[in-house]
Amino acid sequence: MTEMELSARLTACGIPHDAQLPGKLLRYHAMLMDWNTRMDLTAVTEEAEMIDKHYVDSLIALKTPGLIPQTGRLIDVGTGAGFPGLPLALACPQLQVTLMDAQKKRLNFLQAVIDELQVRNVTLVHARAEDGAQFPQHREKYDVAVARAVASLAVLSEYLLPFVRVGGKAVCWKGPALQEEMQQGRRAAHVLGGRVEEPISAVIPGRDWQHTLLPVSKVAKTARQYPRKAGTPGKSPLGQNAKV
């Protein structure tokens, strides 16, 4: 895919971007394909689908005004190969972005991309979500926390909301299971100081799959006991019996 073709694709999806972004994304993409031959970074390898599923899907949040700020602090929890956080950082150079992941090898890849593209607004953190949110330099310090297809809504709320300042928000990229997760997710968010907002459809033209973007506003501080110790949120999600 050429820079012109990628720019046209972003435009067709309603994603605002500058003239430099397509070239940066394609260099990122080339490195991902190269590193993926040596380590498991993505199971999607067909180029057009990969462009849509990773880069366009990450940037689709920019289509909704105000969902992702142009400035401030954003953390991508469980970033994997950098989605959605690194494309957002490339598209919003005034936004300070932290990419957090529990696997050092993924962060090694991301460091190589950051060095190659000379990215100045990204910081890498090696930690599990449950541990990282207890670090004073990260707890309730972010305007936005994001994650893509990491866990159920109840679990994701416990991963993300402890990072978000009161008045900020979490944004969850969710698939078709969202409706089944919504009731328990609302309860979990409430326990953590959050309020689930209206879902935003994230349609990518020509694809039979799509994500829904779910904003969760941070309306009160998260109690100190959350997140619970590593592994507990996944094994025993919040909101199973709580009432809101």
C-alpha atoms as a PDB file:
ATOM      1  CA  MET A   1       0.000   0.000   0.000  1.00  0.00           C
ATOM      2  CA  THR A   2       1.270   3.462  -0.875  1.00  0.00           C
ATOM      3  CA  GLU A   3       1.104   6.586   1.268  1.00  0.00           C
ATOM      4  CA  MET A   4      -1.488   8.026  -1.100  1.00  0.00           C
ATOM      5  CA  GLU A   5      -3.663   4.915  -0.831  1.00  0.00           C
ATOM      6  CA  LEU A   6      -3.436   4.891   2.960  1.00  0.00           C
ATOM      7  CA  SER A   7      -4.268   8.587   3.124  1.00  0.00           C
ATOM      8  CA  ALA A   8      -7.318   7.947   0.943  1.00  0.00           C
ATOM      9  CA  ARG A   9      -8.356   5.092   3.228  1.00  0.00           C
ATOM     10  CA  LEU A  10      -8.094   7.254   6.342  1.00  0.00           C
ATOM     11  CA  THR A  11     -10.082  10.000   4.621  1.00  0.00           C
ATOM     12  CA  ALA A  12     -12.770   7.528   3.528  1.00  0.00           C
ATOM     13  CA  CYS A  13     -13.123   6.461   7.165  1.00  0.00           C
ATOM     14  CA  GLY A  14     -13.481  10.060   8.337  1.00  0.00           C
ATOM     15  CA  ILE A  15     -10.171  10.088  10.218  1.00  0.00           C
ATOM     16  CA  PRO A  16      -8.431  13.495  10.295  1.00  0.00           C
ATOM     17  CA  HIS A  17      -4.688  13.289   9.643  1.00  0.00           C
ATOM     18  CA  ASP A  18      -1.719  15.314   8.445  1.00  0.00           C
ATOM     19  CA  ALA A  19       0.391  14.591   5.371  1.00  0.00           C
ATOM     20  CA  GLN A  20       3.137  12.851   7.388  1.00  0.00           C
ATOM     21  CA  LEU A  21       0.973  10.277   9.154  1.00  0.00           C
ATOM     22  CA  PRO A  22       0.531   7.719   6.322  1.00  0.00           C
ATOM     23  CA  GLY A  23       4.292   7.472   5.787  1.00  0.00           C
ATOM     24  CA  LYS A  24       4.921   6.952   9.506  1.00  0.00           C
ATOM     25  CA  LEU A  25       2.238   4.280   9.719  1.00  0.00           C
ATOM     26  CA  LEU A  26       3.684   2.411   6.739  1.00  0.00           C
ATOM     27  CA  ARG A  27       7.176   2.432   8.275  1.00  0.00           C
ATOM     28  CA  TYR A  28       5.658   1.128  11.513  1.00  0.00           C
ATOM     29  CA  HIS A  29       3.827  -1.510   9.472  1.00  0.00           C
ATOM     30  CA  ALA A  30       7.011  -2.627   7.682  1.00  0.00           C
ATOM     31  CA  MET A  31       8.770  -3.088  11.010  1.00  0.00           C
ATOM     32  CA  LEU A  32       5.816  -5.011  12.419  1.00  0.00           C
ATOM     33  CA  MET A  33       5.864  -7.407   9.476  1.00  0.00           C
ATOM     34  CA  ASP A  34       9.622  -7.899   9.833  1.00  0.00           C
ATOM     35  CA  TRP A  35       9.579  -8.506  13.593  1.00  0.00           C
ATOM     36  CA  ASN A  36       6.508 -10.739  13.262  1.00  0.00           C
ATOM     37  CA  THR A  37       8.637 -13.292  11.395  1.00  0.00           C
ATOM     38  CA  ARG A  38      10.660 -13.763  14.599  1.00  0.00           C
ATOM     39  CA  MET A  39       8.068 -13.302  17.336  1.00  0.00           C
ATOM     40  CA  ASP A  40       4.298 -13.436  17.697  1.00  0.00           C
ATOM     41  CA  LEU A  41       3.044  -9.859  17.376  1.00  0.00           C
ATOM     42  CA  THR A  42      -0.013 -10.249  15.121  1.00  0.00           C
ATOM     43  CA  ALA A  43      -2.020 -13.106  13.669  1.00  0.00           C
ATOM     44  CA  VAL A  44      -3.326 -10.896  10.850  1.00  0.00           C
ATOM     45  CA  THR A  45      -0.883 -10.848   7.940  1.00  0.00           C
ATOM     46  CA  GLU A  46      -2.902  -9.883   4.827  1.00  0.00           C
ATOM     47  CA  GLU A  47      -1.907  -6.271   4.196  1.00  0.00           C
ATOM     48  CA  ALA A  48      -5.230  -4.568   3.475  1.00  0.00           C
ATOM     49  CA  GLU A  49      -6.948  -6.288   6.388  1.00  0.00           C
ATOM     50  CA  MET A  50      -3.976  -5.566   8.630  1.00  0.00           C
ATOM     51  CA  ILE A  51      -4.072  -1.862   7.752  1.00  0.00           C
ATOM     52  CA  ASP A  52      -7.767  -1.700   8.631  1.00  0.00           C
ATOM     53  CA  LYS A  53      -7.705  -3.970  11.676  1.00  0.00           C
ATOM     54  CA  HIS A  54      -4.712  -2.350  13.345  1.00  0.00           C
ATOM     55  CA  TYR A  55      -4.059   1.202  12.147  1.00  0.00           C
ATOM     56  CA  VAL A  56      -7.463   2.387  10.903  1.00  0.00           C
ATOM     57  CA  ASP A  57      -9.250   0.722  13.827  1.00  0.00           C
ATOM     58  CA  SER A  58      -6.862   2.377  16.285  1.00  0.00           C
ATOM     59  CA  LEU A  59      -7.395   5.806  14.717  1.00  0.00           C
ATOM     60  CA  ILE A  60     -11.174   5.530  14.263  1.00  0.00           C
ATOM     61  CA  ALA A  61     -11.567   7.117  17.712  1.00  0.00           C
ATOM     62  CA  LEU A  62     -10.332  10.413  16.226  1.00  0.00           C
ATOM     63  CA  LYS A  63     -13.488  10.529  14.107  1.00  0.00           C
ATOM     64  CA  THR A  64     -15.511  11.390  17.232  1.00  0.00           C
ATOM     65  CA  PRO A  65     -14.631  14.949  18.360  1.00  0.00           C
ATOM     66  CA  GLY A  66     -13.381  15.126  21.937  1.00  0.00           C
ATOM     67  CA  LEU A  67     -13.134  11.376  22.506  1.00  0.00           C
ATOM     68  CA  ILE A  68      -9.320  11.419  22.322  1.00  0.00           C
ATOM     69  CA  PRO A  69      -7.758  14.769  23.308  1.00  0.00           C
ATOM     70  CA  GLN A  70      -5.054  16.354  21.190  1.00  0.00           C
ATOM     71  CA  THR A  71      -3.070  17.236  24.321  1.00  0.00           C
ATOM     72  CA  GLY A  72      -2.789  15.846  27.849  1.00  0.00           C
ATOM     73  CA  ARG A  73      -1.854  12.329  28.932  1.00  0.00           C
ATOM     74  CA  LEU A  74      -3.054   8.988  27.561  1.00  0.00           C
ATOM     75  CA  ILE A  75      -2.131   5.456  28.623  1.00  0.00           C
ATOM     76  CA  ASP A  76      -2.644   2.320  26.529  1.00  0.00           C
ATOM     77  CA  VAL A  77      -2.904  -0.644  28.905  1.00  0.00           C
ATOM     78  CA  GLY A  78      -1.925  -4.024  27.467  1.00  0.00           C
ATOM     79  CA  THR A  79      -0.708  -2.342  24.302  1.00  0.00           C
ATOM     80  CA  GLY A  80       0.715  -5.477  22.644  1.00  0.00           C
ATOM     81  CA  ALA A  81       2.224  -4.407  19.333  1.00  0.00           C
ATOM     82  CA  GLY A  82       1.198  -0.816  20.069  1.00  0.00           C
ATOM     83  CA  PHE A  83      -2.506  -0.695  19.266  1.00  0.00           C
ATOM     84  CA  PRO A  84      -4.274   1.642  19.666  1.00  0.00           C
ATOM     85  CA  GLY A  85      -1.760   3.803  21.543  1.00  0.00           C
ATOM     86  CA  LEU A  86       1.105   4.174  19.089  1.00  0.00           C
ATOM     87  CA  PRO A  87      -0.997   5.144  16.033  1.00  0.00           C
ATOM     88  CA  LEU A  88      -2.768   7.681  18.268  1.00  0.00           C
ATOM     89  CA  ALA A  89       0.599   9.046  19.397  1.00  0.00           C
ATOM     90  CA  LEU A  90       1.735   9.392  15.778  1.00  0.00           C
ATOM     91  CA  ALA A  91      -1.500  11.168  14.844  1.00  0.00           C
ATOM     92  CA  CYS A  92      -1.490  13.465  17.910  1.00  0.00           C
ATOM     93  CA  PRO A  93       2.118  14.595  18.495  1.00  0.00           C
ATOM     94  CA  GLN A  94       1.135  16.977  21.334  1.00  0.00           C
ATOM     95  CA  LEU A  95      -0.470  14.114  23.286  1.00  0.00           C
ATOM     96  CA  GLN A  96       1.817  12.429  25.831  1.00  0.00           C
ATOM     97  CA  VAL A  97       1.288   8.678  25.440  1.00  0.00           C
ATOM     98  CA  THR A  98       2.336   5.836  27.743  1.00  0.00           C
ATOM     99  CA  LEU A  99       2.356   2.296  26.344  1.00  0.00           C
ATOM    100  CA  MET A 100       2.175  -0.357  29.070  1.00  0.00           C
ATOM    101  CA  ASP A 101       2.598  -4.086  28.585  1.00  0.00           C
ATOM    102  CA  ALA A 102       3.574  -7.093  30.684  1.00  0.00           C
ATOM    103  CA  GLN A 103       5.750  -8.665  27.964  1.00  0.00           C
ATOM    104  CA  LYS A 104       9.206  -7.159  27.588  1.00  0.00           C
ATOM    105  CA  LYS A 105       9.668  -8.506  24.062  1.00  0.00           C
ATOM    106  CA  ARG A 106       6.714  -6.443  22.845  1.00  0.00           C
ATOM    107  CA  LEU A 107       8.217  -3.344  24.411  1.00  0.00           C
ATOM    108  CA  ASN A 108      11.533  -4.125  22.709  1.00  0.00           C
ATOM    109  CA  PHE A 109       9.696  -4.031  19.375  1.00  0.00           C
ATOM    110  CA  LEU A 110       7.957  -0.775  20.270  1.00  0.00           C
ATOM    111  CA  GLN A 111      11.236   0.794  21.337  1.00  0.00           C
ATOM    112  CA  ALA A 112      12.699  -0.073  17.940  1.00  0.00           C
ATOM    113  CA  VAL A 113       9.747   1.586  16.191  1.00  0.00           C
ATOM    114  CA  ILE A 114       9.973   4.668  18.394  1.00  0.00           C
ATOM    115  CA  ASP A 115      13.692   4.970  17.684  1.00  0.00           C
ATOM    116  CA  GLU A 116      13.254   4.476  13.933  1.00  0.00           C
ATOM    117  CA  LEU A 117      10.470   7.063  13.681  1.00  0.00           C
ATOM    118  CA  GLN A 118      12.074   9.400  16.230  1.00  0.00           C
ATOM    119  CA  VAL A 119       8.874   9.580  18.251  1.00  0.00           C
ATOM    120  CA  ARG A 120       9.162  12.063  21.118  1.00  0.00           C
ATOM    121  CA  ASN A 121       5.793  11.766  22.838  1.00  0.00           C
ATOM    122  CA  VAL A 122       5.796   8.096  23.885  1.00  0.00           C
ATOM    123  CA  THR A 123       6.975   6.424  27.104  1.00  0.00           C
ATOM    124  CA  LEU A 124       7.164   2.641  27.547  1.00  0.00           C
ATOM    125  CA  VAL A 125       6.342   0.909  30.839  1.00  0.00           C
ATOM    126  CA  HIS A 126       6.924  -2.774  31.583  1.00  0.00           C
ATOM    127  CA  ALA A 127       4.174  -3.789  34.040  1.00  0.00           C
ATOM    128  CA  ARG A 128       0.916  -5.646  34.424  1.00  0.00           C
ATOM    129  CA  ALA A 129      -2.090  -3.360  34.636  1.00  0.00           C
ATOM    130  CA  GLU A 130      -2.853  -4.376  38.222  1.00  0.00           C
ATOM    131  CA  ASP A 131       0.666  -3.479  39.351  1.00  0.00           C
ATOM    132  CA  GLY A 132       1.166  -0.364  37.228  1.00  0.00           C
ATOM    133  CA  ALA A 133      -1.988   1.301  38.538  1.00  0.00           C
ATOM    134  CA  GLN A 134      -0.598   1.161  42.074  1.00  0.00           C
ATOM    135  CA  PHE A 135       2.542   3.101  41.108  1.00  0.00           C
ATOM    136  CA  PRO A 136       2.158   6.716  42.369  1.00  0.00           C
ATOM    137  CA  GLN A 137       3.448   8.140  39.081  1.00  0.00           C
ATOM    138  CA  HIS A 138       0.628   6.408  37.186  1.00  0.00           C
ATOM    139  CA  ARG A 139      -2.317   6.161  39.574  1.00  0.00           C
ATOM    140  CA  GLU A 140      -5.104   8.563  38.540  1.00  0.00           C
ATOM    141  CA  LYS A 141      -2.631  10.615  36.508  1.00  0.00           C
ATOM    142  CA  TYR A 142      -4.100  10.221  33.008  1.00  0.00           C
ATOM    143  CA  ASP A 143      -6.750  12.104  31.072  1.00  0.00           C
ATOM    144  CA  VAL A 144      -7.569   8.982  29.063  1.00  0.00           C
ATOM    145  CA  ALA A 145      -6.846   5.264  29.433  1.00  0.00           C
ATOM    146  CA  VAL A 146      -7.457   3.022  26.425  1.00  0.00           C
ATOM    147  CA  ALA A 147      -7.370  -0.682  25.640  1.00  0.00           C
ATOM    148  CA  ARG A 148      -8.353  -2.727  22.631  1.00  0.00           C
ATOM    149  CA  ALA A 149      -9.869  -6.208  22.877  1.00  0.00           C
ATOM    150  CA  VAL A 150      -8.046  -6.996  26.137  1.00  0.00           C
ATOM    151  CA  ALA A 151     -10.788  -8.382  28.411  1.00  0.00           C
ATOM    152  CA  SER A 152     -14.472  -8.238  29.343  1.00  0.00           C
ATOM    153  CA  LEU A 153     -15.868  -4.833  30.262  1.00  0.00           C
ATOM    154  CA  ALA A 154     -15.940  -5.586  34.001  1.00  0.00           C
ATOM    155  CA  VAL A 155     -12.298  -6.687  33.978  1.00  0.00           C
ATOM    156  CA  LEU A 156     -11.267  -3.868  31.659  1.00  0.00           C
ATOM    157  CA  SER A 157     -12.833  -1.317  33.991  1.00  0.00           C
ATOM    158  CA  GLU A 158     -10.623  -2.534  36.828  1.00  0.00           C
ATOM    159  CA  TYR A 159      -7.578  -2.416  34.566  1.00  0.00           C
ATOM    160  CA  LEU A 160      -8.220   1.099  33.237  1.00  0.00           C
ATOM    161  CA  LEU A 161     -10.134   3.295  35.682  1.00  0.00           C
ATOM    162  CA  PRO A 162      -7.442   3.353  38.417  1.00  0.00           C
ATOM    163  CA  PHE A 163      -5.151   5.132  35.920  1.00  0.00           C
ATOM    164  CA  VAL A 164      -7.700   7.870  35.108  1.00  0.00           C
ATOM    165  CA  ARG A 165      -8.012  11.183  36.938  1.00  0.00           C
ATOM    166  CA  VAL A 166     -11.450  12.294  38.088  1.00  0.00           C
ATOM    167  CA  GLY A 167     -12.934  14.145  35.127  1.00  0.00           C
ATOM    168  CA  GLY A 168     -11.093  11.957  32.624  1.00  0.00           C
ATOM    169  CA  LYS A 169     -12.265   8.789  30.921  1.00  0.00           C
ATOM    170  CA  ALA A 170     -11.459   5.306  29.803  1.00  0.00           C
ATOM    171  CA  VAL A 171     -12.170   4.338  26.191  1.00  0.00           C
ATOM    172  CA  CYS A 172     -12.658   0.637  25.505  1.00  0.00           C
ATOM    173  CA  TRP A 173     -12.506  -0.907  22.032  1.00  0.00           C
ATOM    174  CA  LYS A 174     -15.107  -3.679  22.290  1.00  0.00           C
ATOM    175  CA  GLY A 175     -16.406  -6.386  19.954  1.00  0.00           C
ATOM    176  CA  PRO A 176     -19.849  -8.001  19.567  1.00  0.00           C
ATOM    177  CA  ALA A 177     -19.858  -9.414  23.131  1.00  0.00           C
ATOM    178  CA  LEU A 178     -20.345  -5.914  24.554  1.00  0.00           C
ATOM    179  CA  GLN A 179     -24.100  -6.183  25.019  1.00  0.00           C
ATOM    180  CA  GLU A 180     -23.694  -9.350  27.066  1.00  0.00           C
ATOM    181  CA  GLU A 181     -21.034  -7.650  29.198  1.00  0.00           C
ATOM    182  CA  MET A 182     -22.820  -4.347  29.704  1.00  0.00           C
ATOM    183  CA  GLN A 183     -24.820  -4.991  32.882  1.00  0.00           C
ATOM    184  CA  GLN A 184     -21.917  -6.394  34.870  1.00  0.00           C
ATOM    185  CA  GLY A 185     -19.578  -3.834  33.327  1.00  0.00           C
ATOM    186  CA  ARG A 186     -21.763  -0.943  34.498  1.00  0.00           C
ATOM    187  CA  ARG A 187     -21.734  -2.324  38.022  1.00  0.00           C
ATOM    188  CA  ALA A 188     -17.966  -2.797  38.006  1.00  0.00           C
ATOM    189  CA  ALA A 189     -17.387   0.716  36.664  1.00  0.00           C
ATOM    190  CA  HIS A 190     -19.598   2.155  39.407  1.00  0.00           C
ATOM    191  CA  VAL A 191     -17.561   0.386  42.116  1.00  0.00           C
ATOM    192  CA  LEU A 192     -14.394   1.882  40.602  1.00  0.00           C
ATOM    193  CA  GLY A 193     -15.673   5.453  40.357  1.00  0.00           C
ATOM    194  CA  GLY A 194     -16.758   5.255  36.727  1.00  0.00           C
ATOM    195  CA  ARG A 195     -19.926   5.785  34.721  1.00  0.00           C
ATOM    196  CA  VAL A 196     -20.491   3.943  31.458  1.00  0.00           C
ATOM    197  CA  GLU A 197     -21.548   6.300  28.661  1.00  0.00           C
ATOM    198  CA  GLU A 198     -23.305   5.644  25.357  1.00  0.00           C
ATOM    199  CA  PRO A 199     -21.463   3.272  22.990  1.00  0.00           C
ATOM    200  CA  ILE A 200     -20.073   4.736  19.768  1.00  0.00           C
ATOM    201  CA  SER A 201     -20.226   2.639  16.605  1.00  0.00           C
ATOM    202  CA  ALA A 202     -16.826   2.393  14.885  1.00  0.00           C
ATOM    203  CA  VAL A 203     -17.717   1.250  11.372  1.00  0.00           C
ATOM    204  CA  ILE A 204     -14.892   0.654   8.900  1.00  0.00           C
ATOM    205  CA  PRO A 205     -16.277   0.682   5.343  1.00  0.00           C
ATOM    206  CA  GLY A 206     -16.030  -2.611   3.499  1.00  0.00           C
ATOM    207  CA  ARG A 207     -15.429  -4.744   6.598  1.00  0.00           C
ATOM    208  CA  ASP A 208     -17.877  -7.231   8.102  1.00  0.00           C
ATOM    209  CA  TRP A 209     -16.325  -6.744  11.541  1.00  0.00           C
ATOM    210  CA  GLN A 210     -16.305  -3.633  13.646  1.00  0.00           C
ATOM    211  CA  HIS A 211     -15.521  -2.429  17.111  1.00  0.00           C
ATOM    212  CA  THR A 212     -17.703  -0.342  19.370  1.00  0.00           C
ATOM    213  CA  LEU A 213     -15.970   2.418  21.306  1.00  0.00           C
ATOM    214  CA  LEU A 214     -17.262   2.612  24.854  1.00  0.00           C
ATOM    215  CA  PRO A 215     -16.391   5.694  26.923  1.00  0.00           C
ATOM    216  CA  VAL A 216     -16.408   5.313  30.712  1.00  0.00           C
ATOM    217  CA  SER A 217     -16.274   8.648  32.546  1.00  0.00           C
ATOM    218  CA  LYS A 218     -14.317   8.891  35.807  1.00  0.00           C
ATOM    219  CA  VAL A 219     -16.699  10.593  38.228  1.00  0.00           C
ATOM    220  CA  ALA A 220     -15.125   9.670  41.593  1.00  0.00           C
ATOM    221  CA  LYS A 221     -11.774   8.507  42.904  1.00  0.00           C
ATOM    222  CA  THR A 222     -11.042   4.782  42.786  1.00  0.00           C
ATOM    223  CA  ALA A 223     -10.827   3.118  46.205  1.00  0.00           C
ATOM    224  CA  ARG A 224      -7.253   2.222  47.152  1.00  0.00           C
ATOM    225  CA  GLN A 225      -7.918  -1.541  47.151  1.00  0.00           C
ATOM    226  CA  TYR A 226      -8.429  -1.467  43.376  1.00  0.00           C
ATOM    227  CA  PRO A 227      -7.074  -2.837  41.214  1.00  0.00           C
ATOM    228  CA  ARG A 228      -6.735  -6.051  43.158  1.00  0.00           C
ATOM    229  CA  LYS A 229      -3.563  -8.133  42.970  1.00  0.00           C
ATOM    230  CA  ALA A 230      -2.388  -9.446  39.607  1.00  0.00           C
ATOM    231  CA  GLY A 231      -4.671 -12.097  38.149  1.00  0.00           C
ATOM    232  CA  THR A 232      -7.607 -11.475  40.486  1.00  0.00           C
ATOM    233  CA  PRO A 233      -9.698  -9.199  38.213  1.00  0.00           C
ATOM    234  CA  GLY A 234      -9.766 -11.856  35.477  1.00  0.00           C
ATOM    235  CA  LYS A 235     -10.569 -14.705  37.860  1.00  0.00           C
ATOM    236  CA  SER A 236     -13.181 -12.846  39.893  1.00  0.00           C
ATOM    237  CA  PRO A 237     -14.573  -9.866  37.949  1.00  0.00           C
ATOM    238  CA  LEU A 238     -16.262  -7.063  39.841  1.00  0.00           C
ATOM    239  CA  GLY A 239     -19.956  -6.358  39.414  1.00  0.00           C
ATOM    240  CA  GLN A 240     -21.281  -9.898  39.574  1.00  0.00           C
ATOM    241  CA  ASN A 241     -23.540  -9.193  42.564  1.00  0.00           C
ATOM    242  CA  ALA A 242     -23.203  -5.470  43.197  1.00  0.00           C
ATOM    243  CA  LYS A 243     -26.181  -3.197  42.599  1.00  0.00           C
ATOM    244  CA  VAL A 244     -25.984   0.271  41.111  1.00  0.00           C
END
